[in-house]
PDB file of N, CA and C in Angstrom:
ATOM      1  N   MET A   1      76.619-207.779-203.328  1.00  0.00           N
ATOM      2  CA  MET A   1      75.995-206.292-203.323  1.00  0.00           C
ATOM      3  C   MET A   1      75.999-206.239-205.120  1.00  0.00           C
ATOM      4  N   GLN A   2      74.543-205.380-205.640  1.00  0.00           N
ATOM      5  CA  GLN A   2      74.950-205.730-206.699  1.00  0.00           C
ATOM      6  C   GLN A   2      75.001-203.496-206.769  1.00  0.00           C
ATOM      7  N   ASP A   3      76.048-203.497-207.826  1.00  0.00           N
ATOM      8  CA  ASP A   3      76.248-201.677-207.737  1.00  0.00           C
ATOM      9  C   ASP A   3      75.178-200.646-208.439  1.00  0.00           C
ATOM     10  N   ARG A   4      74.831-199.614-207.662  1.00  0.00           N
ATOM     11  CA  ARG A   4      73.685-198.813-208.103  1.00  0.00           C
ATOM     12  C   ARG A   4      74.689-197.740-209.363  1.00  0.00           C
ATOM     13  N   PRO A   5      73.397-197.524-210.140  1.00  0.00           N
ATOM     14  CA  PRO A   5      74.180-197.095-211.050  1.00  0.00           C
ATOM     15  C   PRO A   5      74.810-195.293-210.934  1.00  0.00           C
ATOM     16  N   GLN A   6      74.631-194.578-209.369  1.00  0.00           N
ATOM     17  CA  GLN A   6      75.705-193.683-209.452  1.00  0.00           C
ATOM     18  C   GLN A   6      77.068-194.162-208.820  1.00  0.00           C
ATOM     19  N   ASP A   7      76.905-195.529-208.703  1.00  0.00           N
ATOM     20  CA  ASP A   7      78.307-196.033-208.132  1.00  0.00           C
ATOM     21  C   ASP A   7      79.350-196.326-209.144  1.00  0.00           C
ATOM     22  N   ARG A   8      79.272-196.099-210.496  1.00  0.00           N
ATOM     23  CA  ARG A   8      79.490-196.612-211.560  1.00  0.00           C
ATOM     24  C   ARG A   8      80.423-195.438-212.263  1.00  0.00           C
ATOM     25  N   LEU A   9      81.485-196.174-212.535  1.00  0.00           N
ATOM     26  CA  LEU A   9      82.329-195.253-212.925  1.00  0.00           C
ATOM     27  C   LEU A   9      81.961-194.971-214.442  1.00  0.00           C
ATOM     28  N   LYS A  10      82.488-193.239-214.383  1.00  0.00           N
ATOM     29  CA  LYS A  10      81.966-192.895-215.834  1.00  0.00           C
ATOM     30  C   LYS A  10      83.595-192.345-216.484  1.00  0.00           C
ATOM     31  N   LEU A  11      83.307-191.476-217.901  1.00  0.00           N
ATOM     32  CA  LEU A  11      84.342-191.103-218.371  1.00  0.00           C
ATOM     33  C   LEU A  11      84.642-189.927-218.585  1.00  0.00           C
ATOM     34  N   TYR A  12      85.314-188.663-218.424  1.00  0.00           N
ATOM     35  CA  TYR A  12      85.389-187.868-218.224  1.00  0.00           C
ATOM     36  C   TYR A  12      86.394-187.227-218.612  1.00  0.00           C
ATOM     37  N   ARG A  13      86.403-185.793-219.568  1.00  0.00           N
ATOM     38  CA  ARG A  13      87.069-184.625-220.526  1.00  0.00           C
ATOM     39  C   ARG A  13      87.333-183.744-219.396  1.00  0.00           C
ATOM     40  N   LEU A  14      88.449-183.293-219.190  1.00  0.00           N
ATOM     41  CA  LEU A  14      89.053-181.896-217.949  1.00  0.00           C
ATOM     42  C   LEU A  14      89.337-181.323-219.546  1.00  0.00           C
ATOM     43  N   VAL A  15      88.771-180.332-219.807  1.00  0.00           N
ATOM     44  CA  VAL A  15      89.330-179.378-220.841  1.00  0.00           C
ATOM     45  C   VAL A  15      89.718-178.222-220.097  1.00  0.00           C
ATOM     46  N   PRO A  16      91.025-177.437-220.859  1.00  0.00           N
ATOM     47  CA  PRO A  16      91.406-176.040-219.918  1.00  0.00           C
ATOM     48  C   PRO A  16      90.435-175.248-220.730  1.00  0.00           C
ATOM     49  N   VAL A  17      89.617-174.471-220.155  1.00  0.00           N
ATOM     50  CA  VAL A  17      88.600-173.401-220.413  1.00  0.00           C
ATOM     51  C   VAL A  17      89.712-171.638-220.755  1.00  0.00           C
ATOM     52  N   ALA A  18      90.311-171.586-219.762  1.00  0.00           N
ATOM     53  CA  ALA A  18      90.881-170.190-219.853  1.00  0.00           C
ATOM     54  C   ALA A  18      92.037-169.837-220.593  1.00  0.00           C
ATOM     55  N   ALA A  19      92.141-168.989-221.111  1.00  0.00           N
ATOM     56  CA  ALA A  19      93.315-168.190-222.212  1.00  0.00           C
ATOM     57  C   ALA A  19      94.705-168.610-221.511  1.00  0.00           C
ATOM     58  N   ALA A  20      95.885-168.485-222.378  1.00  0.00           N
ATOM     59  CA  ALA A  20      96.723-168.822-221.801  1.00  0.00           C
ATOM     60  C   ALA A  20      97.777-167.190-220.781  1.00  0.00           C
ATOM     61  N   SER A  21      96.553-166.431-221.228  1.00  0.00           N
ATOM     62  CA  SER A  21      97.098-165.096-221.064  1.00  0.00           C
ATOM     63  C   SER A  21      96.697-164.900-219.858  1.00  0.00           C
ATOM     64  N   ASP A  22      95.670-165.642-219.117  1.00  0.00           N
ATOM     65  CA  ASP A  22      94.654-165.920-217.912  1.00  0.00           C
ATOM     66  C   ASP A  22      95.822-165.632-216.778  1.00  0.00           C
ATOM     67  N   PRO A  23      95.193-164.738-215.666  1.00  0.00           N
ATOM     68  CA  PRO A  23      96.026-164.983-214.480  1.00  0.00           C
ATOM     69  C   PRO A  23      96.368-166.133-213.599  1.00  0.00           C
ATOM     70  N   ASN A  24      94.790-166.734-213.495  1.00  0.00           N
ATOM     71  CA  ASN A  24      94.843-167.858-212.807  1.00  0.00           C
ATOM     72  C   ASN A  24      95.854-168.699-213.005  1.00  0.00           C
ATOM     73  N   TRP A  25      96.216-169.220-214.234  1.00  0.00           N
ATOM     74  CA  TRP A  25      97.272-170.184-214.623  1.00  0.00           C
ATOM     75  C   TRP A  25      98.564-169.746-213.736  1.00  0.00           C
ATOM     76  N   GLY A  26      98.716-168.605-213.360  1.00  0.00           N
ATOM     77  CA  GLY A  26     100.435-167.987-213.159  1.00  0.00           C
ATOM     78  C   GLY A  26     100.584-168.946-211.839  1.00  0.00           C
ATOM     79  N   ASN A  27      99.742-169.378-210.590  1.00  0.00           N
ATOM     80  CA  ASN A  27      99.707-171.068-209.988  1.00  0.00           C
ATOM     81  C   ASN A  27      99.791-172.094-210.559  1.00  0.00           C
ATOM     82  N   ALA A  28      99.892-172.238-211.820  1.00  0.00           N
ATOM     83  CA  ALA A  28      99.967-173.603-212.074  1.00  0.00           C
ATOM     84  C   ALA A  28     100.287-173.634-213.580  1.00  0.00           C
ATOM     85  N   ASP A  29     100.242-174.766-213.403  1.00  0.00           N
ATOM     86  CA  ASP A  29     101.143-175.243-215.202  1.00  0.00           C
ATOM     87  C   ASP A  29     100.360-175.812-216.107  1.00  0.00           C
ATOM     88  N   TYR A  30      99.835-175.615-217.542  1.00  0.00           N
ATOM     89  CA  TYR A  30      98.764-176.094-218.420  1.00  0.00           C
ATOM     90  C   TYR A  30      98.900-177.565-218.709  1.00  0.00           C
ATOM     91  N   GLN A  31      98.349-178.186-218.113  1.00  0.00           N
ATOM     92  CA  GLN A  31      98.371-179.785-218.254  1.00  0.00           C
ATOM     93  C   GLN A  31      97.673-180.584-219.983  1.00  0.00           C
ATOM     94  N   GLY A  32      97.262-179.148-220.127  1.00  0.00           N
ATOM     95  CA  GLY A  32      96.153-179.826-221.536  1.00  0.00           C
ATOM     96  C   GLY A  32      94.894-180.457-221.329  1.00  0.00           C
ATOM     97  N   GLU A  33      94.558-181.630-221.811  1.00  0.00           N
ATOM     98  CA  GLU A  33      93.373-181.872-221.660  1.00  0.00           C
ATOM     99  C   GLU A  33      93.763-184.007-221.417  1.00  0.00           C
ATOM    100  N   VAL A  34      92.936-184.619-220.172  1.00  0.00           N
ATOM    101  CA  VAL A  34      93.003-185.157-219.542  1.00  0.00           C
ATOM    102  C   VAL A  34      91.214-185.965-219.311  1.00  0.00           C
ATOM    103  N   VAL A  35      91.479-187.229-219.631  1.00  0.00           N
ATOM    104  CA  VAL A  35      90.190-187.610-219.734  1.00  0.00           C
ATOM    105  C   VAL A  35      90.602-188.952-218.434  1.00  0.00           C
ATOM    106  N   VAL A  36      89.320-189.324-217.649  1.00  0.00           N
ATOM    107  CA  VAL A  36      89.555-189.669-216.462  1.00  0.00           C
ATOM    108  C   VAL A  36      88.595-191.233-216.184  1.00  0.00           C
ATOM    109  N   ARG A  37      88.255-192.249-215.429  1.00  0.00           N
ATOM    110  CA  ARG A  37      87.303-192.820-215.214  1.00  0.00           C
ATOM    111  C   ARG A  37      86.801-192.252-213.557  1.00  0.00           C
ATOM    112  N   ALA A  38      85.445-191.525-213.377  1.00  0.00           N
ATOM    113  CA  ALA A  38      85.831-190.946-212.175  1.00  0.00           C
ATOM    114  C   ALA A  38      83.976-191.658-212.421  1.00  0.00           C
ATOM    115  N   PHE A  39      83.665-191.383-210.257  1.00  0.00           N
ATOM    116  CA  PHE A  39      82.210-191.339-210.053  1.00  0.00           C
ATOM    117  C   PHE A  39      81.163-190.810-210.584  1.00  0.00           C
ATOM    118  N   SER A  40      82.113-189.192-210.835  1.00  0.00           N
ATOM    119  CA  SER A  40      80.960-187.937-211.216  1.00  0.00           C
ATOM    120  C   SER A  40      81.969-186.909-211.448  1.00  0.00           C
ATOM    121  N   ALA A  41      81.700-185.701-212.226  1.00  0.00           N
ATOM    122  CA  ALA A  41      81.942-184.374-212.037  1.00  0.00           C
ATOM    123  C   ALA A  41      82.983-184.055-211.329  1.00  0.00           C
ATOM    124  N   ALA A  42      82.551-184.094-210.193  1.00  0.00           N
ATOM    125  CA  ALA A  42      83.638-183.582-209.247  1.00  0.00           C
ATOM    126  C   ALA A  42      84.515-184.461-208.655  1.00  0.00           C
ATOM    127  N   ASP A  43      84.255-185.907-208.617  1.00  0.00           N
ATOM    128  CA  ASP A  43      85.331-186.769-208.279  1.00  0.00           C
ATOM    129  C   ASP A  43      86.460-186.795-209.635  1.00  0.00           C
ATOM    130  N   ALA A  44      86.103-186.795-211.029  1.00  0.00           N
ATOM    131  CA  ALA A  44      86.677-186.043-212.307  1.00  0.00           C
ATOM    132  C   ALA A  44      88.042-184.917-211.604  1.00  0.00           C
ATOM    133  N   ARG A  45      87.606-184.111-211.289  1.00  0.00           N
ATOM    134  CA  ARG A  45      88.486-183.257-210.878  1.00  0.00           C
ATOM    135  C   ARG A  45      90.126-183.446-209.606  1.00  0.00           C
ATOM    136  N   VAL A  46      89.049-184.327-208.966  1.00  0.00           N
ATOM    137  CA  VAL A  46      89.810-185.010-207.622  1.00  0.00           C
ATOM    138  C   VAL A  46      91.016-186.258-208.386  1.00  0.00           C
ATOM    139  N   VAL A  47      90.506-187.038-209.092  1.00  0.00           N
ATOM    140  CA  VAL A  47      91.270-188.071-209.323  1.00  0.00           C
ATOM    141  C   VAL A  47      92.236-187.396-210.564  1.00  0.00           C
ATOM    142  N   ALA A  48      92.009-186.000-211.294  1.00  0.00           N
ATOM    143  CA  ALA A  48      93.379-185.533-212.221  1.00  0.00           C
ATOM    144  C   ALA A  48      94.126-185.141-211.112  1.00  0.00           C
ATOM    145  N   ALA A  49      93.492-184.447-210.039  1.00  0.00           N
ATOM    146  CA  ALA A  49      94.552-183.869-208.776  1.00  0.00           C
ATOM    147  C   ALA A  49      95.148-184.428-208.596  1.00  0.00           C
ATOM    148  N   GLN A  50      94.759-185.830-208.047  1.00  0.00           N
ATOM    149  CA  GLN A  50      95.592-186.804-207.287  1.00  0.00           C
ATOM    150  C   GLN A  50      96.940-187.233-208.055  1.00  0.00           C
ATOM    151  N   ALA A  51      96.789-187.712-209.725  1.00  0.00           N
ATOM    152  CA  ALA A  51      97.837-187.705-210.165  1.00  0.00           C
ATOM    153  C   ALA A  51      99.177-187.081-210.042  1.00  0.00           C
ATOM    154  N   GLU A  52      98.383-185.624-209.780  1.00  0.00           N
ATOM    155  CA  GLU A  52     100.013-184.421-209.675  1.00  0.00           C
ATOM    156  C   GLU A  52     100.266-185.218-208.675  1.00  0.00           C
ATOM    157  N   LEU A  53     102.128-184.498-208.349  1.00  0.00           N
ATOM    158  CA  LEU A  53     102.821-184.735-207.266  1.00  0.00           C
ATOM    159  C   LEU A  53     102.102-184.021-206.308  1.00  0.00           C
ATOM    160  N   ASP A  54     102.438-183.830-204.843  1.00  0.00           N
ATOM    161  CA  ASP A  54     101.557-183.551-204.269  1.00  0.00           C
ATOM    162  C   ASP A  54     103.026-183.274-202.802  1.00  0.00           C
ATOM    163  N   PHE A  55     102.977-182.612-202.338  1.00  0.00           N
ATOM    164  CA  PHE A  55     103.955-181.491-200.755  1.00  0.00           C
ATOM    165  C   PHE A  55     104.251-182.975-199.863  1.00  0.00           C
ATOM    166  N   THR A  56     103.054-183.650-199.777  1.00  0.00           N
ATOM    167  CA  THR A  56     103.173-184.633-198.847  1.00  0.00           C
ATOM    168  C   THR A  56     104.074-185.950-199.301  1.00  0.00           C
ATOM    169  N   GLU A  57     104.416-186.166-200.425  1.00  0.00           N
ATOM    170  CA  GLU A  57     105.261-187.186-201.081  1.00  0.00           C
ATOM    171  C   GLU A  57     106.225-186.695-200.957  1.00  0.00           C
ATOM    172  N   ILE A  58     107.234-185.733-200.672  1.00  0.00           N
ATOM    173  CA  ILE A  58     108.450-185.536-201.045  1.00  0.00           C
ATOM    174  C   ILE A  58     108.977-185.026-199.874  1.00  0.00           C
ATOM    175  N   ASP A  59     109.927-184.667-199.584  1.00  0.00           N
ATOM    176  CA  ASP A  59     111.234-184.340-198.801  1.00  0.00           C
ATOM    177  C   ASP A  59     110.178-182.660-198.260  1.00  0.00           C
ATOM    178  N   ALA A  60     109.657-181.950-198.475  1.00  0.00           N
ATOM    179  CA  ALA A  60     109.651-180.406-199.003  1.00  0.00           C
ATOM    180  C   ALA A  60     107.735-179.894-198.249  1.00  0.00           C
ATOM    181  N   SER A  61     106.993-180.600-197.409  1.00  0.00           N
ATOM    182  CA  SER A  61     105.857-180.152-197.031  1.00  0.00           C
ATOM    183  C   SER A  61     106.358-179.182-196.271  1.00  0.00           C
ATOM    184  N   PRO A  62     104.846-177.917-197.069  1.00  0.00           N
ATOM    185  CA  PRO A  62     104.587-176.522-196.082  1.00  0.00           C
ATOM    186  C   PRO A  62     104.364-176.662-195.214  1.00  0.00           C
ATOM    187  N   ALA A  63     104.039-177.997-194.318  1.00  0.00           N
ATOM    188  CA  ALA A  63     103.347-177.452-192.843  1.00  0.00           C
ATOM    189  C   ALA A  63     102.923-179.274-192.587  1.00  0.00           C
ATOM    190  N   GLU A  64     103.358-180.038-191.976  1.00  0.00           N
ATOM    191  CA  GLU A  64     103.330-181.057-191.602  1.00  0.00           C
ATOM    192  C   GLU A  64     101.366-181.471-191.994  1.00  0.00           C
ATOM    193  N   GLY A  65     101.730-181.992-192.645  1.00  0.00           N
ATOM    194  CA  GLY A  65      99.956-182.725-192.917  1.00  0.00           C
ATOM    195  C   GLY A  65      99.351-182.194-193.469  1.00  0.00           C
ATOM    196  N   ASN A  66      99.809-180.848-194.130  1.00  0.00           N
ATOM    197  CA  ASN A  66      99.180-180.433-195.237  1.00  0.00           C
ATOM    198  C   ASN A  66      99.173-180.924-196.488  1.00  0.00           C
ATOM    199  N   SER A  67      98.714-180.526-197.325  1.00  0.00           N
ATOM    200  CA  SER A  67      98.675-181.560-198.612  1.00  0.00           C
ATOM    201  C   SER A  67      98.253-180.151-199.911  1.00  0.00           C
ATOM    202  N   THR A  68      98.919-180.733-200.919  1.00  0.00           N
ATOM    203  CA  THR A  68      98.600-179.160-202.232  1.00  0.00           C
ATOM    204  C   THR A  68      97.594-179.416-202.971  1.00  0.00           C
ATOM    205  N   ARG A  69      97.026-180.853-202.852  1.00  0.00           N
ATOM    206  CA  ARG A  69      96.035-181.289-203.523  1.00  0.00           C
ATOM    207  C   ARG A  69      95.032-180.174-203.988  1.00  0.00           C
ATOM    208  N   ASP A  70      94.328-179.431-203.174  1.00  0.00           N
ATOM    209  CA  ASP A  70      93.601-178.871-203.035  1.00  0.00           C
ATOM    210  C   ASP A  70      93.675-177.504-203.976  1.00  0.00           C
ATOM    211  N   ALA A  71      94.767-177.044-204.018  1.00  0.00           N
ATOM    212  CA  ALA A  71      95.418-176.243-205.199  1.00  0.00           C
ATOM    213  C   ALA A  71      95.371-176.705-206.298  1.00  0.00           C
ATOM    214  N   SER A  72      94.951-177.856-206.907  1.00  0.00           N
ATOM    215  CA  SER A  72      95.270-178.094-208.556  1.00  0.00           C
ATOM    216  C   SER A  72      94.922-177.433-209.569  1.00  0.00           C
ATOM    217  N   ALA A  73      95.276-177.295-210.235  1.00  0.00           N
ATOM    218  CA  ALA A  73      94.564-176.753-211.399  1.00  0.00           C
ATOM    219  C   ALA A  73      93.335-177.351-211.841  1.00  0.00           C
ATOM    220  N   PHE A  74      93.012-178.322-211.841  1.00  0.00           N
ATOM    221  CA  PHE A  74      91.932-178.966-212.236  1.00  0.00           C
ATOM    222  C   PHE A  74      90.642-178.733-211.777  1.00  0.00           C
ATOM    223  N   ARG A  75      91.623-178.778-209.923  1.00  0.00           N
ATOM    224  CA  ARG A  75      89.961-177.634-209.514  1.00  0.00           C
ATOM    225  C   ARG A  75      89.494-176.712-209.454  1.00  0.00           C
ATOM    226  N   ASN A  76      89.986-176.217-209.987  1.00  0.00           N
ATOM    227  CA  ASN A  76      89.893-174.253-210.840  1.00  0.00           C
ATOM    228  C   ASN A  76      89.315-174.716-211.778  1.00  0.00           C
ATOM    229  N   GLU A  77      87.540-174.133-211.130  1.00  0.00           N
ATOM    230  CA  GLU A  77      86.645-174.218-212.165  1.00  0.00           C
ATOM    231  C   GLU A  77      86.683-172.763-213.309  1.00  0.00           C
ATOM    232  N   ARG A  78      87.589-171.785-213.284  1.00  0.00           N
ATOM    233  CA  ARG A  78      88.408-171.178-213.910  1.00  0.00           C
ATOM    234  C   ARG A  78      89.052-171.444-215.195  1.00  0.00           C
ATOM    235  N   LEU A  79      89.864-172.414-214.379  1.00  0.00           N
ATOM    236  CA  LEU A  79      90.899-173.162-215.821  1.00  0.00           C
ATOM    237  C   LEU A  79      90.241-174.015-216.320  1.00  0.00           C
ATOM    238  N   TYR A  80      89.176-174.998-216.107  1.00  0.00           N
ATOM    239  CA  TYR A  80      89.160-176.660-216.493  1.00  0.00           C
ATOM    240  C   TYR A  80      87.674-176.575-216.204  1.00  0.00           C
ATOM    241  N   THR A  81      87.103-177.144-217.760  1.00  0.00           N
ATOM    242  CA  THR A  81      85.791-177.796-217.628  1.00  0.00           C
ATOM    243  C   THR A  81      85.768-178.997-217.368  1.00  0.00           C
ATOM    244  N   VAL A  82      84.542-180.028-217.018  1.00  0.00           N
ATOM    245  CA  VAL A  82      84.423-181.158-217.068  1.00  0.00           C
ATOM    246  C   VAL A  82      83.094-181.939-217.848  1.00  0.00           C
ATOM    247  N   VAL A  83      83.623-182.205-218.541  1.00  0.00           N
ATOM    248  CA  VAL A  83      82.384-182.798-219.824  1.00  0.00           C
ATOM    249  C   VAL A  83      82.720-184.313-219.833  1.00  0.00           C
ATOM    250  N   GLU A  84      81.492-184.728-219.501  1.00  0.00           N
ATOM    251  CA  GLU A  84      81.286-186.159-219.377  1.00  0.00           C
ATOM    252  C   GLU A  84      81.134-186.409-220.841  1.00  0.00           C
ATOM    253  N   MET A  85      81.701-187.741-220.685  1.00  0.00           N
ATOM    254  CA  MET A  85      82.053-188.623-222.436  1.00  0.00           C
ATOM    255  C   MET A  85      81.094-190.103-222.075  1.00  0.00           C
ATOM    256  N   SER A  86      80.875-190.220-224.052  1.00  0.00           N
ATOM    257  CA  SER A  86      80.164-190.956-224.039  1.00  0.00           C
ATOM    258  C   SER A  86      81.114-192.479-224.120  1.00  0.00           C
ATOM    259  N   GLU A  87      80.710-193.487-224.161  1.00  0.00           N
ATOM    260  CA  GLU A  87      81.726-194.402-224.737  1.00  0.00           C
ATOM    261  C   GLU A  87      81.735-194.798-226.377  1.00  0.00           C
ATOM    262  N   GLN A  88      80.782-193.996-226.403  1.00  0.00           N
ATOM    263  CA  GLN A  88      80.997-194.553-228.562  1.00  0.00           C
ATOM    264  C   GLN A  88      82.563-193.357-228.763  1.00  0.00           C
ATOM    265  N   GLN A  89      82.765-192.669-227.868  1.00  0.00           N
ATOM    266  CA  GLN A  89      84.445-191.724-228.374  1.00  0.00           C
ATOM    267  C   GLN A  89      85.249-192.886-227.982  1.00  0.00           C
ATOM    268  N   GLY A  90      85.580-193.865-228.164  1.00  0.00           N
ATOM    269  CA  GLY A  90      86.822-194.543-227.993  1.00  0.00           C
ATOM    270  C   GLY A  90      87.245-194.828-227.260  1.00  0.00           C
ATOM    271  N   ILE A  91      87.039-194.963-225.903  1.00  0.00           N
ATOM    272  CA  ILE A  91      87.721-195.445-224.964  1.00  0.00           C
ATOM    273  C   ILE A  91      86.686-195.933-223.839  1.00  0.00           C
ATOM    274  N   ALA A  92      86.546-196.913-223.622  1.00  0.00           N
ATOM    275  CA  ALA A  92      85.854-198.238-222.720  1.00  0.00           C
ATOM    276  C   ALA A  92      85.847-197.243-220.964  1.00  0.00           C
ATOM    277  N   ALA A  93      84.462-197.791-220.693  1.00  0.00           N
ATOM    278  CA  ALA A  93      83.941-197.057-219.378  1.00  0.00           C
ATOM    279  C   ALA A  93      85.032-198.063-218.385  1.00  0.00           C
ATOM    280  N   ASP A  94      84.661-199.091-218.627  1.00  0.00           N
ATOM    281  CA  ASP A  94      84.730-200.482-217.897  1.00  0.00           C
ATOM    282  C   ASP A  94      86.701-199.975-217.242  1.00  0.00           C
ATOM    283  N   GLY A  95      86.945-200.247-216.460  1.00  0.00           N
ATOM    284  CA  GLY A  95      88.051-200.136-215.683  1.00  0.00           C
ATOM    285  C   GLY A  95      88.406-199.336-214.362  1.00  0.00           C
ATOM    286  N   PRO A  96      89.683-199.429-213.649  1.00  0.00           N
ATOM    287  CA  PRO A  96      90.134-198.320-212.512  1.00  0.00           C
ATOM    288  C   PRO A  96      89.837-197.127-212.689  1.00  0.00           C
ATOM    289  N   ARG A  97      89.791-196.636-211.505  1.00  0.00           N
ATOM    290  CA  ARG A  97      89.052-195.151-211.170  1.00  0.00           C
ATOM    291  C   ARG A  97      90.416-194.736-211.407  1.00  0.00           C
ATOM    292  N   GLY A  98      90.746-194.075-212.064  1.00  0.00           N
ATOM    293  CA  GLY A  98      92.183-193.110-212.634  1.00  0.00           C
ATOM    294  C   GLY A  98      92.565-192.253-213.465  1.00  0.00           C
ATOM    295  N   VAL A  99      93.323-191.770-214.559  1.00  0.00           N
ATOM    296  CA  VAL A  99      93.803-190.599-215.549  1.00  0.00           C
ATOM    297  C   VAL A  99      93.720-192.188-216.593  1.00  0.00           C
ATOM    298  N   VAL A 100      92.783-191.510-217.331  1.00  0.00           N
ATOM    299  CA  VAL A 100      92.884-192.553-218.981  1.00  0.00           C
ATOM    300  C   VAL A 100      94.057-192.268-220.033  1.00  0.00           C
ATOM    301  N   GLU A 101      93.942-190.689-220.034  1.00  0.00           N
ATOM    302  CA  GLU A 101      94.554-190.587-221.662  1.00  0.00           C
ATOM    303  C   GLU A 101      94.659-189.178-221.190  1.00  0.00           C
ATOM    304  N   GLY A 102      95.920-188.606-221.408  1.00  0.00           N
ATOM    305  CA  GLY A 102      96.687-187.603-221.189  1.00  0.00           C
ATOM    306  C   GLY A 102      97.921-187.669-220.446  1.00  0.00           C
ATOM    307  N   VAL A 103      98.607-186.666-220.268  1.00  0.00           N
ATOM    308  CA  VAL A 103      99.642-186.683-219.254  1.00  0.00           C
ATOM    309  C   VAL A 103      99.207-185.769-218.356  1.00  0.00           C
ATOM    310  N   VAL A 104      99.785-186.219-216.825  1.00  0.00           N
ATOM    311  CA  VAL A 104      99.372-185.715-216.274  1.00  0.00           C
ATOM    312  C   VAL A 104     100.586-185.398-215.553  1.00  0.00           C
ATOM    313  N   SER A 105     101.651-184.637-215.310  1.00  0.00           N
ATOM    314  CA  SER A 105     102.933-184.171-215.292  1.00  0.00           C
ATOM    315  C   SER A 105     103.012-184.024-213.714  1.00  0.00           C
ATOM    316  N   VAL A 106     104.089-184.646-213.062  1.00  0.00           N
ATOM    317  CA  VAL A 106     104.846-184.771-211.563  1.00  0.00           C
ATOM    318  C   VAL A 106     105.317-183.688-211.238  1.00  0.00           C
ATOM    319  N   GLY A 107     105.805-182.565-212.056  1.00  0.00           N
ATOM    320  CA  GLY A 107     106.540-181.364-211.969  1.00  0.00           C
ATOM    321  C   GLY A 107     105.458-180.478-211.583  1.00  0.00           C
ATOM    322  N   THR A 108     104.872-180.575-210.849  1.00  0.00           N
ATOM    323  CA  THR A 108     103.997-179.389-209.990  1.00  0.00           C
ATOM    324  C   THR A 108     104.723-178.785-209.563  1.00  0.00           C
ATOM    325  N   ILE A 109     104.935-179.129-208.817  1.00  0.00           N
ATOM    326  CA  ILE A 109     105.812-178.512-207.288  1.00  0.00           C
ATOM    327  C   ILE A 109     106.870-177.969-208.009  1.00  0.00           C
ATOM    328  N   LYS A 110     107.414-176.706-207.769  1.00  0.00           N
ATOM    329  CA  LYS A 110     108.670-175.651-208.256  1.00  0.00           C
ATOM    330  C   LYS A 110     109.126-175.279-206.944  1.00  0.00           C
ATOM    331  N   PRO A 111     110.834-174.940-207.260  1.00  0.00           N
ATOM    332  CA  PRO A 111     111.362-175.379-205.500  1.00  0.00           C
ATOM    333  C   PRO A 111     111.634-173.635-205.860  1.00  0.00           C
ATOM    334  N   THR A 112     111.265-173.005-204.796  1.00  0.00           N
ATOM    335  CA  THR A 112     111.341-172.043-204.394  1.00  0.00           C
ATOM    336  C   THR A 112     113.045-170.764-204.385  1.00  0.00           C
ATOM    337  N   GLN A 113     113.874-171.654-204.289  1.00  0.00           N
ATOM    338  CA  GLN A 113     115.047-171.220-204.743  1.00  0.00           C
ATOM    339  C   GLN A 113     116.451-171.873-205.597  1.00  0.00           C
ATOM    340  N   LEU A 114     116.988-171.299-206.112  1.00  0.00           N
ATOM    341  CA  LEU A 114     117.612-171.852-207.685  1.00  0.00           C
ATOM    342  C   LEU A 114     118.898-172.859-206.607  1.00  0.00           C
ATOM    343  N   PRO A 115     119.525-173.940-206.914  1.00  0.00           N
ATOM    344  CA  PRO A 115     120.812-174.765-206.134  1.00  0.00           C
ATOM    345  C   PRO A 115     121.992-173.607-206.399  1.00  0.00           C
TER     346      PRO A 115
END
């Protein structure tokens, strides 16, 4: 089966747009710029969010079956914008879907009580 153009992975840069003093950062850690391979700008937000730690991956779920992926700063348009990149910017578009540059912290889930 031949790939359709819309099924090809592209490179996207997620860039913080909110000032450090923006109250929307109160619920999220600043992650800096991240480059991902994804199918679309919307998928780029999902790819970056999937790289973060989720409640369902540890022994501290807020409620059975609930995920914290939707609360990621990468999915917040007030915190991050998504810019499509060209291959001439030094990173090959060929490769697997995922984060290709930048560091996505897995420390996004904070304990509510001190030990």
